[in-house]
């Protein structure tokens, strides 16, 4: 296919999922149309302190002495076209097999005679399972295509943004959850 600039490399309890990616470096990857993920910091409902107590509380928080914040993770949702890897993914969903890791890479498109695709950022979710999959038939010109909407729950996530500096993409400090990943 290679109509996407978002690729997923997926390892499940049944082994690696082979997709239809054709782009160099992403051959056999699953092509993703879009994805979304989020998290929420669960805040304390108490009113904020004011005056000197507020200043002391803010200073303690900046020094790492404040009250820890609870984080609520949301599932990773993604959409893809039905392809050769779909049967293995449905097998994992039906048989409650784990998703060992799901790595989503979003590519930057380059120009000016250089390689036109380089990773922009990477999201890696581990220790998960497929919660659900919904199928939708869409018109695509004179034909039809089946779109799968997947929901993946997981325990750990790591996000790395690759910043362009000169001719290279350099990784910035990654985001981890939980921190002990």
N, C-alpha and C. Protein backbone atom coordinates (compact mmCIF):
# COMPACT_ATOMS: atom_id res chain seq x y z
N UNK A 1 0.82 -1.20 0.00
CA UNK A 1 0.00 0.00 0.00
C UNK A 1 0.86 1.26 0.00
N UNK A 2 1.56 1.52 1.08
CA UNK A 2 2.41 2.70 1.27
C UNK A 2 1.71 4.01 0.94
N UNK A 3 0.47 4.15 1.42
CA UNK A 3 -0.26 5.39 1.25
C UNK A 3 -0.23 6.22 2.52
N UNK A 4 0.46 5.73 3.53
CA UNK A 4 0.45 6.36 4.84
C UNK A 4 1.84 6.84 5.21
N UNK A 5 1.91 7.74 6.18
CA UNK A 5 3.20 8.09 6.76
C UNK A 5 3.21 7.75 8.25
N UNK A 6 2.30 6.84 8.65
CA UNK A 6 2.24 6.34 10.02
C UNK A 6 2.31 4.82 9.95
N UNK A 7 3.31 4.25 10.60
CA UNK A 7 3.52 2.81 10.55
C UNK A 7 3.54 2.22 11.94
N UNK A 8 2.99 1.01 12.08
CA UNK A 8 2.99 0.30 13.36
C UNK A 8 3.73 -1.03 13.20
N UNK A 9 4.60 -1.29 14.15
CA UNK A 9 5.23 -2.60 14.25
C UNK A 9 4.66 -3.22 15.51
N UNK A 10 4.03 -4.38 15.34
CA UNK A 10 3.22 -4.97 16.38
C UNK A 10 3.70 -6.38 16.68
N UNK A 11 3.96 -6.65 17.96
CA UNK A 11 4.32 -8.00 18.40
C UNK A 11 3.27 -8.45 19.39
N UNK A 12 2.64 -9.59 19.08
CA UNK A 12 1.56 -10.12 19.91
C UNK A 12 1.96 -11.47 20.50
N UNK A 13 1.07 -12.03 21.30
CA UNK A 13 1.29 -13.36 21.85
C UNK A 13 1.35 -14.43 20.78
N UNK A 14 0.86 -14.13 19.58
CA UNK A 14 0.90 -15.06 18.46
C UNK A 14 2.09 -14.76 17.53
N UNK A 15 2.95 -13.82 17.91
CA UNK A 15 4.11 -13.47 17.10
C UNK A 15 3.97 -12.10 16.47
N UNK A 16 4.96 -11.71 15.65
CA UNK A 16 4.89 -10.41 14.98
C UNK A 16 3.77 -10.37 13.94
N UNK A 17 3.11 -9.22 13.84
CA UNK A 17 2.06 -9.02 12.84
C UNK A 17 2.72 -8.44 11.59
N UNK A 18 2.52 -9.09 10.46
CA UNK A 18 3.09 -8.62 9.20
C UNK A 18 2.01 -7.87 8.44
N UNK A 19 2.29 -6.61 8.15
CA UNK A 19 1.35 -5.78 7.40
C UNK A 19 1.78 -5.65 5.95
N UNK A 20 1.27 -4.62 5.29
CA UNK A 20 1.53 -4.43 3.87
C UNK A 20 2.38 -3.21 3.57
N UNK A 21 3.12 -2.71 4.56
CA UNK A 21 3.98 -1.55 4.35
C UNK A 21 5.05 -1.86 3.31
N UNK A 22 5.26 -0.95 2.37
CA UNK A 22 6.25 -1.13 1.30
C UNK A 22 7.38 -0.12 1.36
N UNK A 23 7.24 0.92 2.17
CA UNK A 23 8.24 1.98 2.23
C UNK A 23 9.54 1.43 2.82
N UNK A 24 10.66 1.84 2.24
CA UNK A 24 11.96 1.36 2.70
C UNK A 24 12.14 1.63 4.20
N UNK A 25 12.54 0.60 4.90
CA UNK A 25 12.70 0.69 6.34
C UNK A 25 11.45 0.31 7.12
N UNK A 26 10.33 0.27 6.44
CA UNK A 26 9.06 -0.07 7.09
C UNK A 26 8.33 -1.18 6.33
N UNK A 27 9.09 -1.98 5.58
CA UNK A 27 8.51 -3.09 4.85
C UNK A 27 7.88 -4.06 5.84
N UNK A 28 6.67 -4.49 5.55
CA UNK A 28 5.98 -5.44 6.43
C UNK A 28 5.33 -4.82 7.64
N UNK A 29 5.44 -3.51 7.81
CA UNK A 29 4.77 -2.83 8.92
C UNK A 29 3.29 -2.66 8.61
N UNK A 30 2.52 -2.47 9.65
CA UNK A 30 1.09 -2.20 9.50
C UNK A 30 0.93 -0.70 9.27
N UNK A 31 0.21 -0.33 8.21
CA UNK A 31 -0.01 1.09 7.92
C UNK A 31 -1.22 1.59 8.70
N UNK A 32 -1.04 2.70 9.39
CA UNK A 32 -2.08 3.29 10.23
C UNK A 32 -2.63 4.54 9.55
N UNK A 33 -3.94 4.70 9.56
CA UNK A 33 -4.55 5.91 9.01
C UNK A 33 -4.48 7.06 10.02
N UNK A 34 -4.80 6.78 11.28
CA UNK A 34 -4.65 7.77 12.34
C UNK A 34 -4.69 7.05 13.69
N UNK A 35 -4.29 7.76 14.73
CA UNK A 35 -4.34 7.20 16.07
C UNK A 35 -4.54 8.32 17.07
N UNK A 36 -4.95 7.93 18.28
CA UNK A 36 -5.08 8.90 19.36
C UNK A 36 -4.83 8.21 20.69
N UNK A 37 -4.29 8.98 21.61
CA UNK A 37 -4.00 8.50 22.95
C UNK A 37 -3.99 9.71 23.87
N UNK A 38 -4.31 9.47 25.12
CA UNK A 38 -4.30 10.57 26.08
C UNK A 38 -4.09 10.07 27.49
N UNK A 39 -3.93 11.01 28.39
CA UNK A 39 -3.82 10.72 29.82
C UNK A 39 -4.34 11.93 30.57
N UNK A 40 -4.73 11.70 31.81
CA UNK A 40 -5.24 12.78 32.65
C UNK A 40 -4.51 12.78 33.97
N UNK A 41 -4.17 13.95 34.43
CA UNK A 41 -3.63 14.10 35.78
C UNK A 41 -4.81 14.33 36.70
N UNK A 42 -4.99 13.43 37.64
CA UNK A 42 -6.12 13.53 38.56
C UNK A 42 -5.75 14.51 39.66
N UNK A 43 -6.40 15.65 39.64
CA UNK A 43 -6.06 16.73 40.57
C UNK A 43 -6.80 16.60 41.89
N UNK A 44 -6.19 17.16 42.90
CA UNK A 44 -6.78 17.20 44.22
C UNK A 44 -7.89 18.26 44.21
N UNK A 45 -9.11 17.92 44.64
CA UNK A 45 -10.20 18.89 44.59
C UNK A 45 -10.11 20.00 45.63
N UNK A 46 -9.08 19.96 46.50
CA UNK A 46 -8.95 21.00 47.52
C UNK A 46 -8.60 22.34 46.87
N UNK A 47 -9.09 23.45 47.44
CA UNK A 47 -8.73 24.76 46.89
C UNK A 47 -7.24 25.04 47.09
N UNK A 48 -6.69 25.85 46.21
CA UNK A 48 -5.27 26.20 46.30
C UNK A 48 -5.01 27.11 47.49
N UNK A 49 -3.82 26.94 48.05
CA UNK A 49 -3.42 27.79 49.16
C UNK A 49 -3.04 29.16 48.63
N UNK A 50 -3.25 30.18 49.45
CA UNK A 50 -2.90 31.54 49.05
C UNK A 50 -1.88 32.11 50.03
N UNK A 51 -1.29 33.21 49.65
CA UNK A 51 -0.34 33.89 50.53
C UNK A 51 0.94 33.10 50.68
N UNK A 52 1.53 33.19 51.87
CA UNK A 52 2.82 32.52 52.14
C UNK A 52 2.68 31.00 52.09
N UNK A 53 1.51 30.47 52.48
CA UNK A 53 1.29 29.02 52.43
C UNK A 53 1.33 28.55 50.98
N UNK A 54 0.77 29.36 50.07
CA UNK A 54 0.79 29.02 48.65
C UNK A 54 2.20 29.05 48.08
N UNK A 55 2.99 30.05 48.48
CA UNK A 55 4.39 30.16 48.03
C UNK A 55 5.19 28.96 48.53
N UNK A 56 5.01 28.58 49.77
CA UNK A 56 5.72 27.43 50.34
C UNK A 56 5.31 26.14 49.64
N UNK A 57 4.03 26.00 49.35
CA UNK A 57 3.53 24.82 48.66
C UNK A 57 4.10 24.72 47.24
N UNK A 58 4.16 25.85 46.54
CA UNK A 58 4.72 25.88 45.18
C UNK A 58 6.20 25.56 45.20
N UNK A 59 6.94 26.11 46.17
CA UNK A 59 8.38 25.84 46.28
C UNK A 59 8.62 24.36 46.58
N UNK A 60 7.80 23.77 47.44
CA UNK A 60 7.94 22.34 47.76
C UNK A 60 7.67 21.49 46.52
N UNK A 61 6.66 21.87 45.74
CA UNK A 61 6.34 21.11 44.52
C UNK A 61 7.48 21.20 43.51
N UNK A 62 8.09 22.39 43.35
CA UNK A 62 9.20 22.55 42.41
C UNK A 62 10.43 21.78 42.85
N UNK A 63 10.59 21.57 44.14
CA UNK A 63 11.73 20.84 44.67
C UNK A 63 11.47 19.33 44.67
N UNK A 64 10.29 18.91 44.21
CA UNK A 64 9.97 17.49 44.18
C UNK A 64 9.44 16.97 45.50
N UNK A 65 9.08 17.86 46.40
CA UNK A 65 8.59 17.45 47.71
C UNK A 65 7.08 17.52 47.81
N UNK A 66 6.42 17.89 46.70
CA UNK A 66 4.97 18.03 46.72
C UNK A 66 4.28 16.68 46.69
N UNK A 67 2.98 16.74 46.79
CA UNK A 67 2.16 15.54 46.77
C UNK A 67 2.20 14.92 45.37
N UNK A 68 2.39 13.60 45.24
CA UNK A 68 2.41 12.99 43.90
C UNK A 68 1.05 13.09 43.23
N UNK A 69 1.07 13.22 41.92
CA UNK A 69 -0.15 13.33 41.13
C UNK A 69 -0.46 11.97 40.53
N UNK A 70 -1.70 11.54 40.64
CA UNK A 70 -2.12 10.28 40.03
C UNK A 70 -2.40 10.52 38.55
N UNK A 71 -2.00 9.57 37.74
CA UNK A 71 -2.20 9.67 36.30
C UNK A 71 -3.17 8.58 35.85
N UNK A 72 -4.16 8.95 35.07
CA UNK A 72 -5.09 7.98 34.49
C UNK A 72 -4.78 7.87 33.01
N UNK A 73 -4.36 6.68 32.58
CA UNK A 73 -4.02 6.45 31.18
C UNK A 73 -5.29 6.14 30.39
N UNK A 74 -5.35 6.64 29.17
CA UNK A 74 -6.44 6.30 28.27
C UNK A 74 -5.92 5.29 27.26
N UNK A 75 -6.80 4.50 26.67
CA UNK A 75 -6.33 3.51 25.70
C UNK A 75 -5.79 4.17 24.44
N UNK A 76 -5.00 3.40 23.71
CA UNK A 76 -4.48 3.81 22.42
C UNK A 76 -5.48 3.34 21.37
N UNK A 77 -6.04 4.26 20.61
CA UNK A 77 -6.99 3.93 19.55
C UNK A 77 -6.34 4.22 18.21
N UNK A 78 -6.56 3.32 17.24
CA UNK A 78 -6.02 3.57 15.91
C UNK A 78 -6.94 2.99 14.85
N UNK A 79 -6.85 3.57 13.66
CA UNK A 79 -7.63 3.11 12.51
C UNK A 79 -6.66 2.66 11.42
N UNK A 80 -7.05 1.58 10.75
CA UNK A 80 -6.24 1.04 9.67
C UNK A 80 -7.17 0.39 8.65
N UNK A 81 -6.64 0.22 7.45
CA UNK A 81 -7.37 -0.52 6.44
C UNK A 81 -7.25 -2.01 6.74
N UNK A 82 -8.28 -2.76 6.40
CA UNK A 82 -8.21 -4.21 6.52
C UNK A 82 -7.12 -4.71 5.57
N UNK A 83 -6.17 -5.47 6.12
CA UNK A 83 -5.06 -5.95 5.29
C UNK A 83 -4.64 -7.34 5.72
N UNK A 84 -3.50 -7.80 5.23
CA UNK A 84 -3.02 -9.15 5.50
C UNK A 84 -2.77 -9.39 6.99
N UNK A 85 -2.45 -8.38 7.77
CA UNK A 85 -2.20 -8.53 9.20
C UNK A 85 -3.46 -8.56 10.05
N UNK A 86 -4.60 -8.23 9.45
CA UNK A 86 -5.84 -8.13 10.21
C UNK A 86 -6.26 -9.45 10.83
N UNK A 87 -6.07 -10.55 10.12
CA UNK A 87 -6.53 -11.84 10.65
C UNK A 87 -5.79 -12.20 11.94
N UNK A 88 -4.48 -11.94 12.00
CA UNK A 88 -3.73 -12.24 13.23
C UNK A 88 -4.17 -11.33 14.37
N UNK A 89 -4.45 -10.07 14.07
CA UNK A 89 -4.90 -9.15 15.11
C UNK A 89 -6.27 -9.58 15.65
N UNK A 90 -7.18 -10.01 14.75
CA UNK A 90 -8.49 -10.49 15.20
C UNK A 90 -8.35 -11.79 15.99
N UNK A 91 -7.40 -12.65 15.61
CA UNK A 91 -7.12 -13.88 16.35
C UNK A 91 -6.71 -13.53 17.79
N UNK A 92 -5.87 -12.53 17.95
CA UNK A 92 -5.43 -12.10 19.30
C UNK A 92 -6.59 -11.54 20.10
N UNK A 93 -7.44 -10.74 19.46
CA UNK A 93 -8.62 -10.18 20.14
C UNK A 93 -9.55 -11.30 20.58
N UNK A 94 -9.86 -12.22 19.68
CA UNK A 94 -10.81 -13.31 19.98
C UNK A 94 -10.30 -14.25 21.06
N UNK A 95 -8.99 -14.48 21.12
CA UNK A 95 -8.41 -15.44 22.06
C UNK A 95 -7.74 -14.78 23.27
N UNK A 96 -7.94 -13.49 23.43
CA UNK A 96 -7.41 -12.74 24.58
C UNK A 96 -5.89 -12.89 24.70
N UNK A 97 -5.19 -12.88 23.57
CA UNK A 97 -3.73 -12.97 23.58
C UNK A 97 -3.13 -11.59 23.84
N UNK A 98 -2.00 -11.52 24.51
CA UNK A 98 -1.41 -10.22 24.85
C UNK A 98 -0.79 -9.53 23.63
N UNK A 99 -0.71 -8.22 23.74
CA UNK A 99 0.08 -7.42 22.81
C UNK A 99 1.36 -7.07 23.57
N UNK A 100 2.46 -7.68 23.15
CA UNK A 100 3.73 -7.47 23.83
C UNK A 100 4.20 -6.03 23.62
N UNK A 101 4.17 -5.57 22.38
CA UNK A 101 4.53 -4.17 22.10
C UNK A 101 3.86 -3.72 20.81
N UNK A 102 3.55 -2.43 20.80
CA UNK A 102 3.00 -1.76 19.62
C UNK A 102 3.79 -0.47 19.46
N UNK A 103 4.58 -0.39 18.41
CA UNK A 103 5.41 0.79 18.15
C UNK A 103 4.85 1.53 16.95
N UNK A 104 4.42 2.77 17.17
CA UNK A 104 3.88 3.60 16.09
C UNK A 104 4.92 4.67 15.76
N UNK A 105 5.30 4.74 14.49
CA UNK A 105 6.26 5.73 14.01
C UNK A 105 5.57 6.65 13.03
N UNK A 106 5.63 7.95 13.28
CA UNK A 106 5.11 8.96 12.37
C UNK A 106 6.30 9.56 11.64
N UNK A 107 6.24 9.56 10.32
CA UNK A 107 7.37 10.03 9.52
C UNK A 107 7.22 11.49 9.14
N UNK A 108 8.36 12.22 9.18
CA UNK A 108 8.44 13.55 8.58
C UNK A 108 8.65 13.35 7.09
N UNK A 109 8.13 14.24 6.29
CA UNK A 109 8.40 14.18 4.85
C UNK A 109 9.44 15.25 4.55
N UNK A 110 10.55 14.83 4.00
CA UNK A 110 11.67 15.73 3.70
C UNK A 110 11.68 16.06 2.21
N UNK A 111 12.43 17.11 1.85
CA UNK A 111 12.58 17.49 0.45
C UNK A 111 14.02 17.91 0.21
N UNK A 112 14.29 18.63 -0.86
CA UNK A 112 15.60 19.18 -1.22
C UNK A 112 16.64 18.09 -1.45
N UNK A 113 16.26 17.04 -2.17
CA UNK A 113 17.21 16.02 -2.56
C UNK A 113 17.59 15.02 -1.50
N UNK A 114 17.09 15.17 -0.29
CA UNK A 114 17.40 14.23 0.78
C UNK A 114 16.33 13.15 0.85
N UNK A 115 16.56 12.14 1.70
CA UNK A 115 15.57 11.10 1.91
C UNK A 115 14.24 11.77 2.27
N UNK A 116 13.18 11.34 1.64
CA UNK A 116 11.91 12.05 1.84
C UNK A 116 11.14 11.59 3.07
N UNK A 117 11.54 10.49 3.69
CA UNK A 117 10.84 10.05 4.90
C UNK A 117 11.86 9.76 6.01
N UNK A 118 11.68 10.43 7.16
CA UNK A 118 12.48 10.16 8.35
C UNK A 118 11.55 10.17 9.55
N UNK A 119 11.83 9.34 10.57
CA UNK A 119 10.94 9.34 11.74
C UNK A 119 10.83 10.71 12.40
N UNK A 120 9.60 11.08 12.73
CA UNK A 120 9.34 12.34 13.43
C UNK A 120 9.14 12.09 14.91
N UNK A 121 8.31 11.13 15.24
CA UNK A 121 8.20 10.70 16.63
C UNK A 121 7.72 9.27 16.68
N UNK A 122 8.01 8.64 17.83
CA UNK A 122 7.70 7.23 18.03
C UNK A 122 6.93 7.08 19.34
N UNK A 123 5.86 6.32 19.30
CA UNK A 123 5.08 5.96 20.48
C UNK A 123 5.20 4.46 20.64
N UNK A 124 5.66 4.01 21.81
CA UNK A 124 5.81 2.57 22.08
C UNK A 124 4.96 2.21 23.29
N UNK A 125 3.91 1.39 23.06
CA UNK A 125 3.05 0.89 24.14
C UNK A 125 3.39 -0.57 24.37
N UNK A 126 3.54 -0.97 25.63
CA UNK A 126 3.89 -2.35 25.94
C UNK A 126 2.94 -2.93 26.99
N UNK A 127 2.98 -4.25 27.09
CA UNK A 127 2.17 -5.02 28.03
C UNK A 127 0.69 -4.68 27.91
N UNK A 128 0.13 -4.95 26.74
CA UNK A 128 -1.25 -4.58 26.51
C UNK A 128 -2.12 -5.72 26.00
N UNK A 129 -3.32 -5.34 25.62
CA UNK A 129 -4.27 -6.27 25.02
C UNK A 129 -5.26 -5.46 24.19
N UNK A 130 -5.82 -6.12 23.16
CA UNK A 130 -6.84 -5.47 22.35
C UNK A 130 -8.16 -5.53 23.11
N UNK A 131 -8.77 -4.36 23.27
CA UNK A 131 -10.07 -4.29 23.94
C UNK A 131 -11.19 -4.54 22.95
N UNK A 132 -11.09 -3.94 21.74
CA UNK A 132 -12.17 -4.07 20.78
C UNK A 132 -11.69 -3.69 19.38
N UNK A 133 -12.50 -4.08 18.42
CA UNK A 133 -12.30 -3.68 17.03
C UNK A 133 -13.66 -3.49 16.39
N UNK A 134 -13.87 -2.36 15.73
CA UNK A 134 -15.11 -2.09 15.01
C UNK A 134 -14.77 -1.98 13.53
N UNK A 135 -15.62 -2.53 12.69
CA UNK A 135 -15.41 -2.51 11.24
C UNK A 135 -16.40 -1.55 10.59
N UNK A 136 -15.92 -0.86 9.56
CA UNK A 136 -16.75 0.08 8.81
C UNK A 136 -16.40 -0.06 7.33
N UNK A 137 -17.43 -0.11 6.48
CA UNK A 137 -17.22 -0.17 5.03
C UNK A 137 -17.38 1.25 4.49
N UNK A 138 -16.33 1.74 3.79
CA UNK A 138 -16.35 3.11 3.24
C UNK A 138 -16.24 3.06 1.72
N UNK A 139 -16.82 4.08 1.09
CA UNK A 139 -16.64 4.26 -0.34
C UNK A 139 -15.25 4.81 -0.61
N UNK A 140 -14.61 4.30 -1.64
CA UNK A 140 -13.29 4.78 -2.05
C UNK A 140 -13.31 4.86 -3.58
N UNK A 141 -13.83 5.97 -4.09
CA UNK A 141 -13.99 6.09 -5.54
C UNK A 141 -15.07 5.14 -6.01
N UNK A 142 -14.73 4.26 -6.95
CA UNK A 142 -15.69 3.28 -7.45
C UNK A 142 -15.62 1.96 -6.70
N UNK A 143 -14.84 1.91 -5.64
CA UNK A 143 -14.71 0.67 -4.88
C UNK A 143 -15.06 0.91 -3.42
N UNK A 144 -14.94 -0.13 -2.62
CA UNK A 144 -15.20 -0.05 -1.18
C UNK A 144 -13.93 -0.48 -0.45
N UNK A 145 -13.77 0.00 0.78
CA UNK A 145 -12.68 -0.47 1.63
C UNK A 145 -13.21 -0.66 3.05
N UNK A 146 -12.61 -1.64 3.74
CA UNK A 146 -12.99 -1.93 5.12
C UNK A 146 -11.99 -1.25 6.03
N UNK A 147 -12.50 -0.43 6.96
CA UNK A 147 -11.67 0.29 7.92
C UNK A 147 -11.89 -0.35 9.29
N UNK A 148 -10.80 -0.65 9.97
CA UNK A 148 -10.85 -1.22 11.31
C UNK A 148 -10.50 -0.13 12.32
N UNK A 149 -11.30 -0.02 13.37
CA UNK A 149 -11.02 0.90 14.47
C UNK A 149 -10.69 0.05 15.69
N UNK A 150 -9.43 0.08 16.11
CA UNK A 150 -8.92 -0.76 17.19
C UNK A 150 -8.76 0.05 18.47
N UNK A 151 -8.96 -0.61 19.62
CA UNK A 151 -8.69 -0.02 20.93
C UNK A 151 -7.71 -0.95 21.64
N UNK A 152 -6.57 -0.39 22.05
CA UNK A 152 -5.51 -1.15 22.71
C UNK A 152 -5.28 -0.57 24.11
N UNK A 153 -5.45 -1.40 25.12
CA UNK A 153 -5.10 -1.01 26.50
C UNK A 153 -3.69 -1.50 26.77
N UNK A 154 -2.96 -0.80 27.62
CA UNK A 154 -1.56 -1.13 27.87
C UNK A 154 -1.17 -0.66 29.26
N UNK A 155 -0.01 -1.15 29.72
CA UNK A 155 0.50 -0.74 31.03
C UNK A 155 1.58 0.32 30.94
N UNK A 156 2.40 0.29 29.91
CA UNK A 156 3.54 1.20 29.79
C UNK A 156 3.51 1.91 28.44
N UNK A 157 4.03 3.12 28.44
CA UNK A 157 4.15 3.86 27.19
C UNK A 157 5.43 4.69 27.22
N UNK A 158 6.02 4.85 26.06
CA UNK A 158 7.20 5.70 25.90
C UNK A 158 7.02 6.48 24.60
N UNK A 159 7.21 7.79 24.67
CA UNK A 159 7.12 8.64 23.48
C UNK A 159 8.44 9.35 23.29
N UNK A 160 8.94 9.31 22.07
CA UNK A 160 10.18 10.01 21.74
C UNK A 160 9.94 10.88 20.52
N UNK A 161 10.24 12.14 20.64
CA UNK A 161 10.14 13.08 19.52
C UNK A 161 11.53 13.26 18.94
N UNK A 162 11.64 13.19 17.63
CA UNK A 162 12.92 13.35 16.95
C UNK A 162 12.96 14.72 16.30
N UNK A 163 13.83 15.57 16.79
CA UNK A 163 13.93 16.94 16.31
C UNK A 163 14.92 17.01 15.16
N UNK A 164 14.56 17.75 14.11
CA UNK A 164 15.44 17.92 12.97
C UNK A 164 16.50 18.95 13.31
N UNK A 165 17.76 18.56 13.16
CA UNK A 165 18.88 19.46 13.39
C UNK A 165 19.86 19.25 12.24
N UNK A 166 19.93 20.22 11.36
CA UNK A 166 20.75 20.05 10.16
C UNK A 166 20.15 18.99 9.27
N UNK A 167 20.95 17.96 8.94
CA UNK A 167 20.46 16.89 8.08
C UNK A 167 20.00 15.67 8.85
N UNK A 168 20.02 15.73 10.18
CA UNK A 168 19.69 14.56 10.98
C UNK A 168 18.52 14.83 11.90
N UNK A 169 17.89 13.74 12.33
CA UNK A 169 16.85 13.80 13.35
C UNK A 169 17.46 13.30 14.65
N UNK A 170 17.48 14.13 15.67
CA UNK A 170 18.06 13.77 16.96
C UNK A 170 16.94 13.58 17.98
N UNK A 171 17.02 12.52 18.82
CA UNK A 171 15.96 12.30 19.81
C UNK A 171 16.04 13.32 20.94
N UNK A 172 14.87 13.75 21.38
CA UNK A 172 14.79 14.61 22.56
C UNK A 172 14.56 13.70 23.77
N UNK A 173 14.47 14.27 24.94
CA UNK A 173 14.23 13.47 26.15
C UNK A 173 12.88 12.78 26.03
N UNK A 174 12.84 11.45 26.19
CA UNK A 174 11.57 10.73 26.02
C UNK A 174 10.66 10.91 27.22
N UNK A 175 9.37 10.69 26.98
CA UNK A 175 8.35 10.65 28.04
C UNK A 175 8.09 9.18 28.35
N UNK A 176 8.13 8.80 29.62
CA UNK A 176 7.86 7.43 30.06
C UNK A 176 6.66 7.41 30.99
N UNK A 177 5.86 6.39 30.92
CA UNK A 177 4.87 6.11 31.97
C UNK A 177 4.71 4.62 32.05
N UNK A 178 4.84 3.96 33.16
CA UNK A 178 5.31 4.53 34.40
C UNK A 178 6.79 4.84 34.32
N UNK A 179 7.27 5.62 35.27
CA UNK A 179 8.67 6.06 35.24
C UNK A 179 9.64 4.91 35.37
N UNK A 180 9.22 3.80 35.90
CA UNK A 180 10.10 2.64 36.09
C UNK A 180 10.19 1.78 34.84
N UNK A 181 9.75 2.25 33.71
CA UNK A 181 9.76 1.49 32.46
C UNK A 181 11.14 1.09 32.03
